[in-house]
Amino acid sequence: RAWVALDHPRGAPGVAFLYDIEVLPERRGEGLGRALLQAVEAETR
């Protein structure tokens, strides 16, 4: 899961803020963290 604010909480222009990102405990160790982060970055972009 992930939670992104498209407007930075301190008003930084053009900067989104990642409040939460986590791979489910039962899926950890499969190399999914980096892939999830990249998918979140792409969606934010």
PDB file of all heavy atoms in Angstrom:
ATOM      1  N   ARG A   1       0.849  -1.186   0.000  1.00  0.00           N
ATOM      2  CA  ARG A   1       0.000   0.000   0.000  1.00  0.00           C
ATOM      3  C   ARG A   1       0.886   1.238   0.000  1.00  0.00           C
ATOM      4  O   ARG A   1       2.072   1.173   0.325  1.00  0.00           O
ATOM      5  CB  ARG A   1      -0.880   0.003   1.227  1.00  0.00           C
ATOM      6  CG  ARG A   1      -0.024   0.106   2.487  1.00  0.00           C
ATOM      7  CD  ARG A   1      -0.791  -0.143   3.741  1.00  0.00           C
ATOM      8  NE  ARG A   1       0.054   0.156   4.899  1.00  0.00           N
ATOM      9  CZ  ARG A   1      -0.079  -0.417   6.055  1.00  0.00           C
ATOM     10  NH1 ARG A   1      -1.009  -1.316   6.240  1.00  0.00           N
ATOM     11  NH2 ARG A   1       0.707  -0.082   7.057  1.00  0.00           N
ATOM     12  N   ALA A   2       0.274   2.370  -0.343  1.00  0.00           N
ATOM     13  CA  ALA A   2       0.988   3.639  -0.293  1.00  0.00           C
ATOM     14  C   ALA A   2      -0.018   4.773  -0.188  1.00  0.00           C
ATOM     15  O   ALA A   2      -1.160   4.657  -0.643  1.00  0.00           O
ATOM     16  CB  ALA A   2       1.853   3.827  -1.530  1.00  0.00           C
ATOM     17  N   TRP A   3       0.429   5.876   0.407  1.00  0.00           N
ATOM     18  CA  TRP A   3      -0.386   7.079   0.553  1.00  0.00           C
ATOM     19  C   TRP A   3       0.478   8.276   0.205  1.00  0.00           C
ATOM     20  O   TRP A   3       1.522   8.499   0.819  1.00  0.00           O
ATOM     21  CB  TRP A   3      -0.908   7.155   1.972  1.00  0.00           C
ATOM     22  CG  TRP A   3      -1.583   8.434   2.365  1.00  0.00           C
ATOM     23  CD1 TRP A   3      -2.120   9.391   1.552  1.00  0.00           C
ATOM     24  CD2 TRP A   3      -1.808   8.889   3.704  1.00  0.00           C
ATOM     25  NE1 TRP A   3      -2.660  10.408   2.292  1.00  0.00           N
ATOM     26  CE2 TRP A   3      -2.483  10.118   3.617  1.00  0.00           C
ATOM     27  CE3 TRP A   3      -1.501   8.373   4.943  1.00  0.00           C
ATOM     28  CZ2 TRP A   3      -2.854  10.841   4.742  1.00  0.00           C
ATOM     29  CZ3 TRP A   3      -1.875   9.090   6.067  1.00  0.00           C
ATOM     30  CH2 TRP A   3      -2.550  10.306   5.971  1.00  0.00           C
ATOM     31  N   VAL A   4       0.053   9.020  -0.812  1.00  0.00           N
ATOM     32  CA  VAL A   4       0.784  10.188  -1.285  1.00  0.00           C
ATOM     33  C   VAL A   4      -0.129  11.407  -1.285  1.00  0.00           C
ATOM     34  O   VAL A   4      -1.241  11.350  -1.806  1.00  0.00           O
ATOM     35  CB  VAL A   4       1.315   9.965  -2.727  1.00  0.00           C
ATOM     36  CG1 VAL A   4       2.000  11.225  -3.254  1.00  0.00           C
ATOM     37  CG2 VAL A   4       2.245   8.766  -2.780  1.00  0.00           C
ATOM     38  N   ALA A   5       0.363  12.509  -0.721  1.00  0.00           N
ATOM     39  CA  ALA A   5      -0.310  13.801  -0.845  1.00  0.00           C
ATOM     40  C   ALA A   5       0.297  14.497  -2.053  1.00  0.00           C
ATOM     41  O   ALA A   5       1.519  14.653  -2.128  1.00  0.00           O
ATOM     42  CB  ALA A   5      -0.098  14.638   0.408  1.00  0.00           C
ATOM     43  N   LEU A   6      -0.526  14.903  -2.989  1.00  0.00           N
ATOM     44  CA  LEU A   6      -0.012  15.586  -4.174  1.00  0.00           C
ATOM     45  C   LEU A   6       0.409  17.015  -3.869  1.00  0.00           C
ATOM     46  O   LEU A   6       1.165  17.615  -4.636  1.00  0.00           O
ATOM     47  CB  LEU A   6      -1.050  15.538  -5.293  1.00  0.00           C
ATOM     48  CG  LEU A   6      -1.339  14.132  -5.807  1.00  0.00           C
ATOM     49  CD1 LEU A   6      -2.506  14.148  -6.786  1.00  0.00           C
ATOM     50  CD2 LEU A   6      -0.097  13.514  -6.445  1.00  0.00           C
ATOM     51  N   ASP A   7      -0.078  17.563  -2.763  1.00  0.00           N
ATOM     52  CA  ASP A   7       0.333  18.881  -2.292  1.00  0.00           C
ATOM     53  C   ASP A   7       1.160  18.682  -1.029  1.00  0.00           C
ATOM     54  O   ASP A   7       0.694  18.082  -0.055  1.00  0.00           O
ATOM     55  CB  ASP A   7      -0.885  19.763  -1.993  1.00  0.00           C
ATOM     56  CG  ASP A   7      -1.732  19.993  -3.234  1.00  0.00           C
ATOM     57  OD1 ASP A   7      -1.156  20.278  -4.304  1.00  0.00           O
ATOM     58  OD2 ASP A   7      -2.972  19.880  -3.133  1.00  0.00           O
ATOM     59  N   HIS A   8       2.380  19.183  -1.043  1.00  0.00           N
ATOM     60  CA  HIS A   8       3.297  19.012   0.085  1.00  0.00           C
ATOM     61  C   HIS A   8       2.708  19.666   1.337  1.00  0.00           C
ATOM     62  O   HIS A   8       2.162  20.767   1.270  1.00  0.00           O
ATOM     63  CB  HIS A   8       4.650  19.639  -0.274  1.00  0.00           C
ATOM     64  CG  HIS A   8       5.739  19.262   0.659  1.00  0.00           C
ATOM     65  ND1 HIS A   8       5.891  19.838   1.897  1.00  0.00           N
ATOM     66  CD2 HIS A   8       6.731  18.352   0.542  1.00  0.00           C
ATOM     67  CE1 HIS A   8       6.934  19.307   2.498  1.00  0.00           C
ATOM     68  NE2 HIS A   8       7.464  18.392   1.690  1.00  0.00           N
ATOM     69  N   PRO A   9       2.805  19.013   2.504  1.00  0.00           N
ATOM     70  CA  PRO A   9       2.212  19.574   3.726  1.00  0.00           C
ATOM     71  C   PRO A   9       2.811  20.919   4.154  1.00  0.00           C
ATOM     72  O   PRO A   9       2.160  21.681   4.868  1.00  0.00           O
ATOM     73  CB  PRO A   9       2.455  18.497   4.792  1.00  0.00           C
ATOM     74  CG  PRO A   9       3.470  17.580   4.217  1.00  0.00           C
ATOM     75  CD  PRO A   9       3.406  17.709   2.727  1.00  0.00           C
ATOM     76  N   ARG A  10       4.024  21.216   3.705  1.00  0.00           N
ATOM     77  CA  ARG A  10       4.622  22.508   4.034  1.00  0.00           C
ATOM     78  C   ARG A  10       4.681  23.429   2.817  1.00  0.00           C
ATOM     79  O   ARG A  10       5.373  24.442   2.829  1.00  0.00           O
ATOM     80  CB  ARG A  10       6.012  22.311   4.648  1.00  0.00           C
ATOM     81  CG  ARG A  10       5.932  21.704   6.059  1.00  0.00           C
ATOM     82  CD  ARG A  10       7.284  21.462   6.702  1.00  0.00           C
ATOM     83  NE  ARG A  10       8.145  20.538   5.979  1.00  0.00           N
ATOM     84  CZ  ARG A  10       8.008  19.213   5.941  1.00  0.00           C
ATOM     85  NH1 ARG A  10       7.013  18.636   6.580  1.00  0.00           N
ATOM     86  NH2 ARG A  10       8.850  18.461   5.274  1.00  0.00           N
ATOM     87  N   GLY A  11       3.922  23.078   1.781  1.00  0.00           N
ATOM     88  CA  GLY A  11       3.751  23.963   0.637  1.00  0.00           C
ATOM     89  C   GLY A  11       4.860  23.982  -0.395  1.00  0.00           C
ATOM     90  O   GLY A  11       4.883  24.880  -1.230  1.00  0.00           O
ATOM     91  N   ALA A  12       5.787  23.034  -0.383  1.00  0.00           N
ATOM     92  CA  ALA A  12       6.861  23.021  -1.383  1.00  0.00           C
ATOM     93  C   ALA A  12       6.237  22.845  -2.774  1.00  0.00           C
ATOM     94  O   ALA A  12       5.564  21.854  -3.030  1.00  0.00           O
ATOM     95  CB  ALA A  12       7.847  21.895  -1.091  1.00  0.00           C
ATOM     96  N   PRO A  13       6.455  23.792  -3.673  1.00  0.00           N
ATOM     97  CA  PRO A  13       5.809  23.718  -4.986  1.00  0.00           C
ATOM     98  C   PRO A  13       6.306  22.542  -5.823  1.00  0.00           C
ATOM     99  O   PRO A  13       7.504  22.285  -5.914  1.00  0.00           O
ATOM    100  CB  PRO A  13       6.180  25.060  -5.645  1.00  0.00           C
ATOM    101  CG  PRO A  13       7.308  25.612  -4.855  1.00  0.00           C
ATOM    102  CD  PRO A  13       7.284  24.975  -3.500  1.00  0.00           C
ATOM    103  N   GLY A  14       5.350  21.832  -6.412  1.00  0.00           N
ATOM    104  CA  GLY A  14       5.672  20.714  -7.290  1.00  0.00           C
ATOM    105  C   GLY A  14       6.133  19.454  -6.589  1.00  0.00           C
ATOM    106  O   GLY A  14       6.468  18.469  -7.233  1.00  0.00           O
ATOM    107  N   VAL A  15       6.135  19.474  -5.249  1.00  0.00           N
ATOM    108  CA  VAL A  15       6.651  18.343  -4.478  1.00  0.00           C
ATOM    109  C   VAL A  15       5.488  17.620  -3.792  1.00  0.00           C
ATOM    110  O   VAL A  15       4.773  18.210  -2.988  1.00  0.00           O
ATOM    111  CB  VAL A  15       7.687  18.787  -3.432  1.00  0.00           C
ATOM    112  CG1 VAL A  15       8.216  17.584  -2.652  1.00  0.00           C
ATOM    113  CG2 VAL A  15       8.839  19.553  -4.093  1.00  0.00           C
ATOM    114  N   ALA A  16       5.326  16.346  -4.114  1.00  0.00           N
ATOM    115  CA  ALA A  16       4.344  15.495  -3.438  1.00  0.00           C
ATOM    116  C   ALA A  16       5.005  14.916  -2.186  1.00  0.00           C
ATOM    117  O   ALA A  16       6.231  14.964  -2.032  1.00  0.00           O
ATOM    118  CB  ALA A  16       3.883  14.381  -4.363  1.00  0.00           C
ATOM    119  N   PHE A  17       4.188  14.383  -1.276  1.00  0.00           N
ATOM    120  CA  PHE A  17       4.714  13.849  -0.020  1.00  0.00           C
ATOM    121  C   PHE A  17       4.189  12.440   0.208  1.00  0.00           C
ATOM    122  O   PHE A  17       2.985  12.202   0.203  1.00  0.00           O
ATOM    123  CB  PHE A  17       4.323  14.744   1.157  1.00  0.00           C
ATOM    124  CG  PHE A  17       5.048  14.396   2.422  1.00  0.00           C
ATOM    125  CD1 PHE A  17       6.324  14.870   2.666  1.00  0.00           C
ATOM    126  CD2 PHE A  17       4.455  13.566   3.365  1.00  0.00           C
ATOM    127  CE1 PHE A  17       7.007  14.535   3.828  1.00  0.00           C
ATOM    128  CE2 PHE A  17       5.125  13.225   4.520  1.00  0.00           C
ATOM    129  CZ  PHE A  17       6.406  13.710   4.762  1.00  0.00           C
ATOM    130  N   LEU A  18       5.117  11.508   0.407  1.00  0.00           N
ATOM    131  CA  LEU A  18       4.781  10.108   0.657  1.00  0.00           C
ATOM    132  C   LEU A  18       4.583   9.905   2.158  1.00  0.00           C
ATOM    133  O   LEU A  18       5.537   9.920   2.922  1.00  0.00           O
ATOM    134  CB  LEU A  18       5.917   9.212   0.141  1.00  0.00           C
ATOM    135  CG  LEU A  18       5.744   7.703   0.307  1.00  0.00           C
ATOM    136  CD1 LEU A  18       4.575   7.193  -0.526  1.00  0.00           C
ATOM    137  CD2 LEU A  18       7.029   6.992  -0.092  1.00  0.00           C
ATOM    138  N   TYR A  19       3.338   9.743   2.565  1.00  0.00           N
ATOM    139  CA  TYR A  19       3.025   9.542   3.979  1.00  0.00           C
ATOM    140  C   TYR A  19       3.259   8.102   4.419  1.00  0.00           C
ATOM    141  O   TYR A  19       3.634   7.857   5.561  1.00  0.00           O
ATOM    142  CB  TYR A  19       1.569   9.905   4.275  1.00  0.00           C
ATOM    143  CG  TYR A  19       1.322  11.366   4.467  1.00  0.00           C
ATOM    144  CD1 TYR A  19       0.708  12.137   3.475  1.00  0.00           C
ATOM    145  CD2 TYR A  19       1.679  12.005   5.650  1.00  0.00           C
ATOM    146  CE1 TYR A  19       0.463  13.485   3.658  1.00  0.00           C
ATOM    147  CE2 TYR A  19       1.444  13.360   5.842  1.00  0.00           C
ATOM    148  CZ  TYR A  19       0.833  14.086   4.837  1.00  0.00           C
ATOM    149  OH  TYR A  19       0.598  15.431   5.017  1.00  0.00           O
ATOM    150  N   ASP A  20       2.991   7.160   3.531  1.00  0.00           N
ATOM    151  CA  ASP A  20       3.073   5.756   3.934  1.00  0.00           C
ATOM    152  C   ASP A  20       3.350   4.902   2.710  1.00  0.00           C
ATOM    153  O   ASP A  20       2.797   5.145   1.634  1.00  0.00           O
ATOM    154  CB  ASP A  20       1.756   5.312   4.584  1.00  0.00           C
ATOM    155  CG  ASP A  20       1.779   3.883   5.076  1.00  0.00           C
ATOM    156  OD1 ASP A  20       2.716   3.519   5.816  1.00  0.00           O
ATOM    157  OD2 ASP A  20       0.880   3.102   4.722  1.00  0.00           O
ATOM    158  N   ILE A  21       4.204   3.914   2.894  1.00  0.00           N
ATOM    159  CA  ILE A  21       4.418   2.881   1.882  1.00  0.00           C
ATOM    160  C   ILE A  21       4.846   1.635   2.638  1.00  0.00           C
ATOM    161  O   ILE A  21       5.669   1.709   3.557  1.00  0.00           O
ATOM    162  CB  ILE A  21       5.465   3.289   0.819  1.00  0.00           C
ATOM    163  CG1 ILE A  21       5.526   2.233  -0.300  1.00  0.00           C
ATOM    164  CG2 ILE A  21       6.807   3.566   1.444  1.00  0.00           C
ATOM    165  CD1 ILE A  21       6.281   2.702  -1.532  1.00  0.00           C
ATOM    166  N   GLU A  22       4.253   0.522   2.283  1.00  0.00           N
ATOM    167  CA  GLU A  22       4.588  -0.712   2.990  1.00  0.00           C
ATOM    168  C   GLU A  22       4.223  -1.926   2.149  1.00  0.00           C
ATOM    169  O   GLU A  22       3.150  -1.971   1.545  1.00  0.00           O
ATOM    170  CB  GLU A  22       3.843  -0.769   4.321  1.00  0.00           C
ATOM    171  CG  GLU A  22       4.258  -1.924   5.184  1.00  0.00           C
ATOM    172  CD  GLU A  22       3.702  -1.864   6.596  1.00  0.00           C
ATOM    173  OE1 GLU A  22       2.906  -0.968   6.905  1.00  0.00           O
ATOM    174  OE2 GLU A  22       4.068  -2.745   7.385  1.00  0.00           O
ATOM    175  N   VAL A  23       5.126  -2.878   2.136  1.00  0.00           N
ATOM    176  CA  VAL A  23       4.847  -4.182   1.547  1.00  0.00           C
ATOM    177  C   VAL A  23       4.203  -5.035   2.642  1.00  0.00           C
ATOM    178  O   VAL A  23       4.625  -4.989   3.801  1.00  0.00           O
ATOM    179  CB  VAL A  23       6.147  -4.843   1.020  1.00  0.00           C
ATOM    180  CG1 VAL A  23       5.894  -6.280   0.581  1.00  0.00           C
ATOM    181  CG2 VAL A  23       6.730  -4.022  -0.127  1.00  0.00           C
ATOM    182  N   LEU A  24       3.178  -5.773   2.296  1.00  0.00           N
ATOM    183  CA  LEU A  24       2.501  -6.635   3.268  1.00  0.00           C
ATOM    184  C   LEU A  24       3.509  -7.594   3.896  1.00  0.00           C
ATOM    185  O   LEU A  24       4.385  -8.122   3.197  1.00  0.00           O
ATOM    186  CB  LEU A  24       1.383  -7.426   2.593  1.00  0.00           C
ATOM    187  CG  LEU A  24       0.253  -6.595   1.985  1.00  0.00           C
ATOM    188  CD1 LEU A  24      -0.697  -7.497   1.197  1.00  0.00           C
ATOM    189  CD2 LEU A  24      -0.494  -5.821   3.051  1.00  0.00           C
ATOM    190  N   PRO A  25       3.402  -7.852   5.205  1.00  0.00           N
ATOM    191  CA  PRO A  25       4.386  -8.722   5.875  1.00  0.00           C
ATOM    192  C   PRO A  25       4.582 -10.075   5.193  1.00  0.00           C
ATOM    193  O   PRO A  25       5.713 -10.550   5.069  1.00  0.00           O
ATOM    194  CB  PRO A  25       3.807  -8.882   7.280  1.00  0.00           C
ATOM    195  CG  PRO A  25       2.983  -7.661   7.494  1.00  0.00           C
ATOM    196  CD  PRO A  25       2.416  -7.317   6.132  1.00  0.00           C
ATOM    197  N   GLU A  26       3.506 -10.665   4.718  1.00  0.00           N
ATOM    198  CA  GLU A  26       3.607 -11.997   4.102  1.00  0.00           C
ATOM    199  C   GLU A  26       4.255 -11.961   2.715  1.00  0.00           C
ATOM    200  O   GLU A  26       4.577 -13.004   2.158  1.00  0.00           O
ATOM    201  CB  GLU A  26       2.237 -12.676   4.035  1.00  0.00           C
ATOM    202  CG  GLU A  26       1.213 -11.965   3.185  1.00  0.00           C
ATOM    203  CD  GLU A  26       0.389 -10.900   3.907  1.00  0.00           C
ATOM    204  OE1 GLU A  26       0.797 -10.432   4.990  1.00  0.00           O
ATOM    205  OE2 GLU A  26      -0.666 -10.539   3.358  1.00  0.00           O
ATOM    206  N   ARG A  27       4.463 -10.765   2.149  1.00  0.00           N
ATOM    207  CA  ARG A  27       5.078 -10.637   0.823  1.00  0.00           C
ATOM    208  C   ARG A  27       6.497 -10.037   0.889  1.00  0.00           C
ATOM    209  O   ARG A  27       7.118  -9.812  -0.139  1.00  0.00           O
ATOM    210  CB  ARG A  27       4.201  -9.770  -0.089  1.00  0.00           C
ATOM    211  CG  ARG A  27       2.808 -10.302  -0.378  1.00  0.00           C
ATOM    212  CD  ARG A  27       2.782 -11.639  -1.114  1.00  0.00           C
ATOM    213  NE  ARG A  27       3.521 -11.677  -2.348  1.00  0.00           N
ATOM    214  CZ  ARG A  27       3.004 -11.493  -3.564  1.00  0.00           C
ATOM    215  NH1 ARG A  27       1.721 -11.242  -3.708  1.00  0.00           N
ATOM    216  NH2 ARG A  27       3.778 -11.578  -4.634  1.00  0.00           N
ATOM    217  N   ARG A  28       6.985  -9.787   2.091  1.00  0.00           N
ATOM    218  CA  ARG A  28       8.329  -9.221   2.224  1.00  0.00           C
ATOM    219  C   ARG A  28       9.381 -10.251   1.847  1.00  0.00           C
ATOM    220  O   ARG A  28       9.163 -11.445   1.959  1.00  0.00           O
ATOM    221  CB  ARG A  28       8.545  -8.714   3.651  1.00  0.00           C
ATOM    222  CG  ARG A  28       7.679  -7.510   3.929  1.00  0.00           C
ATOM    223  CD  ARG A  28       7.859  -6.952   5.304  1.00  0.00           C
ATOM    224  NE  ARG A  28       6.843  -5.917   5.487  1.00  0.00           N
ATOM    225  CZ  ARG A  28       6.383  -5.502   6.645  1.00  0.00           C
ATOM    226  NH1 ARG A  28       6.870  -6.029   7.763  1.00  0.00           N
ATOM    227  NH2 ARG A  28       5.464  -4.573   6.717  1.00  0.00           N
ATOM    228  N   GLY A  29      10.528  -9.754   1.396  1.00  0.00           N
ATOM    229  CA  GLY A  29      11.615 -10.638   1.007  1.00  0.00           C
ATOM    230  C   GLY A  29      11.535 -11.099  -0.436  1.00  0.00           C
ATOM    231  O   GLY A  29      12.339 -11.922  -0.874  1.00  0.00           O
ATOM    232  N   GLU A  30      10.575 -10.588  -1.191  1.00  0.00           N
ATOM    233  CA  GLU A  30      10.413 -10.976  -2.595  1.00  0.00           C
ATOM    234  C   GLU A  30      10.916  -9.903  -3.554  1.00  0.00           C
ATOM    235  O   GLU A  30      10.701  -9.996  -4.760  1.00  0.00           O
ATOM    236  CB  GLU A  30       8.924 -11.252  -2.895  1.00  0.00           C
ATOM    237  CG  GLU A  30       8.326 -12.392  -2.103  1.00  0.00           C
ATOM    238  CD  GLU A  30       6.843 -12.585  -2.406  1.00  0.00           C
ATOM    239  OE1 GLU A  30       6.437 -12.387  -3.575  1.00  0.00           O
ATOM    240  OE2 GLU A  30       6.092 -12.917  -1.475  1.00  0.00           O
ATOM    241  N   GLY A  31      11.527  -8.842  -3.027  1.00  0.00           N
ATOM    242  CA  GLY A  31      12.007  -7.756  -3.877  1.00  0.00           C
ATOM    243  C   GLY A  31      10.910  -6.817  -4.335  1.00  0.00           C
ATOM    244  O   GLY A  31      11.059  -6.116  -5.338  1.00  0.00           O
ATOM    245  N   LEU A  32       9.813  -6.783  -3.598  1.00  0.00           N
ATOM    246  CA  LEU A  32       8.666  -5.974  -4.008  1.00  0.00           C
ATOM    247  C   LEU A  32       8.728  -4.519  -3.551  1.00  0.00           C
ATOM    248  O   LEU A  32       8.045  -3.662  -4.121  1.00  0.00           O
ATOM    249  CB  LEU A  32       7.376  -6.619  -3.490  1.00  0.00           C
ATOM    250  CG  LEU A  32       7.074  -7.996  -4.065  1.00  0.00           C
ATOM    251  CD1 LEU A  32       5.966  -8.685  -3.273  1.00  0.00           C
ATOM    252  CD2 LEU A  32       6.711  -7.891  -5.534  1.00  0.00           C
ATOM    253  N   GLY A  33       9.530  -4.215  -2.539  1.00  0.00           N
ATOM    254  CA  GLY A  33       9.600  -2.852  -2.017  1.00  0.00           C
ATOM    255  C   GLY A  33      10.033  -1.843  -3.063  1.00  0.00           C
ATOM    256  O   GLY A  33       9.393  -0.808  -3.255  1.00  0.00           O
ATOM    257  N   ARG A  34      11.115  -2.139  -3.747  1.00  0.00           N
ATOM    258  CA  ARG A  34      11.614  -1.238  -4.790  1.00  0.00           C
ATOM    259  C   ARG A  34      10.604  -1.118  -5.931  1.00  0.00           C
ATOM    260  O   ARG A  34      10.361  -0.032  -6.451  1.00  0.00           O
ATOM    261  CB  ARG A  34      12.947  -1.732  -5.324  1.00  0.00           C
ATOM    262  CG  ARG A  34      13.549  -0.814  -6.378  1.00  0.00           C
ATOM    263  CD  ARG A  34      14.948  -1.237  -6.777  1.00  0.00           C
ATOM    264  NE  ARG A  34      15.837  -1.422  -5.645  1.00  0.00           N
ATOM    265  CZ  ARG A  34      16.444  -0.425  -4.990  1.00  0.00           C
ATOM    266  NH1 ARG A  34      16.265   0.806  -5.382  1.00  0.00           N
ATOM    267  NH2 ARG A  34      17.229  -0.677  -3.959  1.00  0.00           N
ATOM    268  N   ALA A  35       9.991  -2.240  -6.316  1.00  0.00           N
ATOM    269  CA  ALA A  35       9.006  -2.212  -7.399  1.00  0.00           C
ATOM    270  C   ALA A  35       7.781  -1.390  -7.002  1.00  0.00           C
ATOM    271  O   ALA A  35       7.250  -0.627  -7.819  1.00  0.00           O
ATOM    272  CB  ALA A  35       8.594  -3.641  -7.765  1.00  0.00           C
ATOM    273  N   LEU A  36       7.336  -1.522  -5.760  1.00  0.00           N
ATOM    274  CA  LEU A  36       6.204  -0.728  -5.288  1.00  0.00           C
ATOM    275  C   LEU A  36       6.568   0.747  -5.276  1.00  0.00           C
ATOM    276  O   LEU A  36       5.789   1.594  -5.733  1.00  0.00           O
ATOM    277  CB  LEU A  36       5.766  -1.190  -3.891  1.00  0.00           C
ATOM    278  CG  LEU A  36       4.636  -0.397  -3.247  1.00  0.00           C
ATOM    279  CD1 LEU A  36       3.368  -0.411  -4.112  1.00  0.00           C
ATOM    280  CD2 LEU A  36       4.335  -0.946  -1.850  1.00  0.00           C
ATOM    281  N   LEU A  37       7.746   1.080  -4.784  1.00  0.00           N
ATOM    282  CA  LEU A  37       8.190   2.471  -4.755  1.00  0.00           C
ATOM    283  C   LEU A  37       8.215   3.054  -6.169  1.00  0.00           C
ATOM    284  O   LEU A  37       7.738   4.170  -6.399  1.00  0.00           O
ATOM    285  CB  LEU A  37       9.563   2.582  -4.091  1.00  0.00           C
ATOM    286  CG  LEU A  37      10.149   3.986  -3.958  1.00  0.00           C
ATOM    287  CD1 LEU A  37       9.250   4.888  -3.132  1.00  0.00           C
ATOM    288  CD2 LEU A  37      11.548   3.912  -3.341  1.00  0.00           C
ATOM    289  N   GLN A  38       8.720   2.309  -7.128  1.00  0.00           N
ATOM    290  CA  GLN A  38       8.764   2.788  -8.509  1.00  0.00           C
ATOM    291  C   GLN A  38       7.363   2.994  -9.083  1.00  0.00           C
ATOM    292  O   GLN A  38       7.118   3.968  -9.803  1.00  0.00           O
ATOM    293  CB  GLN A  38       9.571   1.837  -9.386  1.00  0.00           C
ATOM    294  CG  GLN A  38      11.050   1.909  -9.110  1.00  0.00           C
ATOM    295  CD  GLN A  38      11.861   0.934  -9.949  1.00  0.00           C
ATOM    296  OE1 GLN A  38      11.328   0.007 -10.559  1.00  0.00           O
ATOM    297  NE2 GLN A  38      13.170   1.139  -9.969  1.00  0.00           N
ATOM    298  N   ALA A  39       6.440   2.100  -8.770  1.00  0.00           N
ATOM    299  CA  ALA A  39       5.061   2.247  -9.254  1.00  0.00           C
ATOM    300  C   ALA A  39       4.402   3.477  -8.642  1.00  0.00           C
ATOM    301  O   ALA A  39       3.668   4.205  -9.328  1.00  0.00           O
ATOM    302  CB  ALA A  39       4.253   0.981  -8.937  1.00  0.00           C
ATOM    303  N   VAL A  40       4.665   3.724  -7.368  1.00  0.00           N
ATOM    304  CA  VAL A  40       4.117   4.899  -6.689  1.00  0.00           C
ATOM    305  C   VAL A  40       4.711   6.170  -7.287  1.00  0.00           C
ATOM    306  O   VAL A  40       3.997   7.147  -7.539  1.00  0.00           O
ATOM    307  CB  VAL A  40       4.371   4.815  -5.166  1.00  0.00           C
ATOM    308  CG1 VAL A  40       4.055   6.138  -4.476  1.00  0.00           C
ATOM    309  CG2 VAL A  40       3.548   3.684  -4.557  1.00  0.00           C
ATOM    310  N   GLU A  41       6.014   6.169  -7.532  1.00  0.00           N
ATOM    311  CA  GLU A  41       6.658   7.331  -8.149  1.00  0.00           C
ATOM    312  C   GLU A  41       6.054   7.622  -9.526  1.00  0.00           C
ATOM    313  O   GLU A  41       5.776   8.782  -9.864  1.00  0.00           O
ATOM    314  CB  GLU A  41       8.164   7.094  -8.288  1.00  0.00           C
ATOM    315  CG  GLU A  41       8.900   7.073  -6.981  1.00  0.00           C
ATOM    316  CD  GLU A  41      10.332   6.581  -7.097  1.00  0.00           C
ATOM    317  OE1 GLU A  41      10.712   6.005  -8.153  1.00  0.00           O
ATOM    318  OE2 GLU A  41      11.085   6.758  -6.127  1.00  0.00           O
ATOM    319  N   ALA A  42       5.842   6.583 -10.318  1.00  0.00           N
ATOM    320  CA  ALA A  42       5.270   6.753 -11.660  1.00  0.00           C
ATOM    321  C   ALA A  42       3.864   7.343 -11.585  1.00  0.00           C
ATOM    322  O   ALA A  42       3.517   8.251 -12.353  1.00  0.00           O
ATOM    323  CB  ALA A  42       5.254   5.420 -12.408  1.00  0.00           C
ATOM    324  N   GLU A  43       3.052   6.852 -10.667  1.00  0.00           N
ATOM    325  CA  GLU A  43       1.691   7.371 -10.511  1.00  0.00           C
ATOM    326  C   GLU A  43       1.715   8.825 -10.044  1.00  0.00           C
ATOM    327  O   GLU A  43       0.936   9.661 -10.513  1.00  0.00           O
ATOM    328  CB  GLU A  43       0.899   6.507  -9.531  1.00  0.00           C
ATOM    329  CG  GLU A  43      -0.551   6.892  -9.396  1.00  0.00           C
ATOM    330  CD  GLU A  43      -1.358   6.665 -10.676  1.00  0.00           C
ATOM    331  OE1 GLU A  43      -0.943   5.898 -11.554  1.00  0.00           O
ATOM    332  OE2 GLU A  43      -2.440   7.286 -10.787  1.00  0.00           O
ATOM    333  N   THR A  44       2.617   9.130  -9.131  1.00  0.00           N
ATOM    334  CA  THR A  44       2.749  10.500  -8.622  1.00  0.00           C
ATOM    335  C   THR A  44       3.184  11.437  -9.749  1.00  0.00           C
ATOM    336  O   THR A  44       2.658  12.551  -9.884  1.00  0.00           O
ATOM    337  CB  THR A  44       3.756  10.522  -7.453  1.00  0.00           C
ATOM    338  OG1 THR A  44       3.303   9.611  -6.433  1.00  0.00           O
ATOM    339  CG2 THR A  44       3.879  11.911  -6.851  1.00  0.00           C
ATOM    340  N   ARG A  45       4.111  11.001 -10.563  1.00  0.00           N
ATOM    341  CA  ARG A  45       4.563  11.788 -11.725  1.00  0.00           C
ATOM    342  C   ARG A  45       3.405  12.012 -12.691  1.00  0.00           C
ATOM    343  O   ARG A  45       3.218  13.113 -13.207  1.00  0.00           O
ATOM    344  CB  ARG A  45       5.714  11.060 -12.416  1.00  0.00           C
ATOM    345  CG  ARG A  45       6.456  11.880 -13.441  1.00  0.00           C
ATOM    346  CD  ARG A  45       7.657  11.135 -14.049  1.00  0.00           C
ATOM    347  NE  ARG A  45       8.491  10.472 -13.061  1.00  0.00           N
ATOM    348  CZ  ARG A  45       8.585   9.137 -12.893  1.00  0.00           C
ATOM    349  NH1 ARG A  45       7.905   8.315 -13.636  1.00  0.00           N
ATOM    350  NH2 ARG A  45       9.360   8.612 -11.970  1.00  0.00           N
TER     351      ARG A  45
END
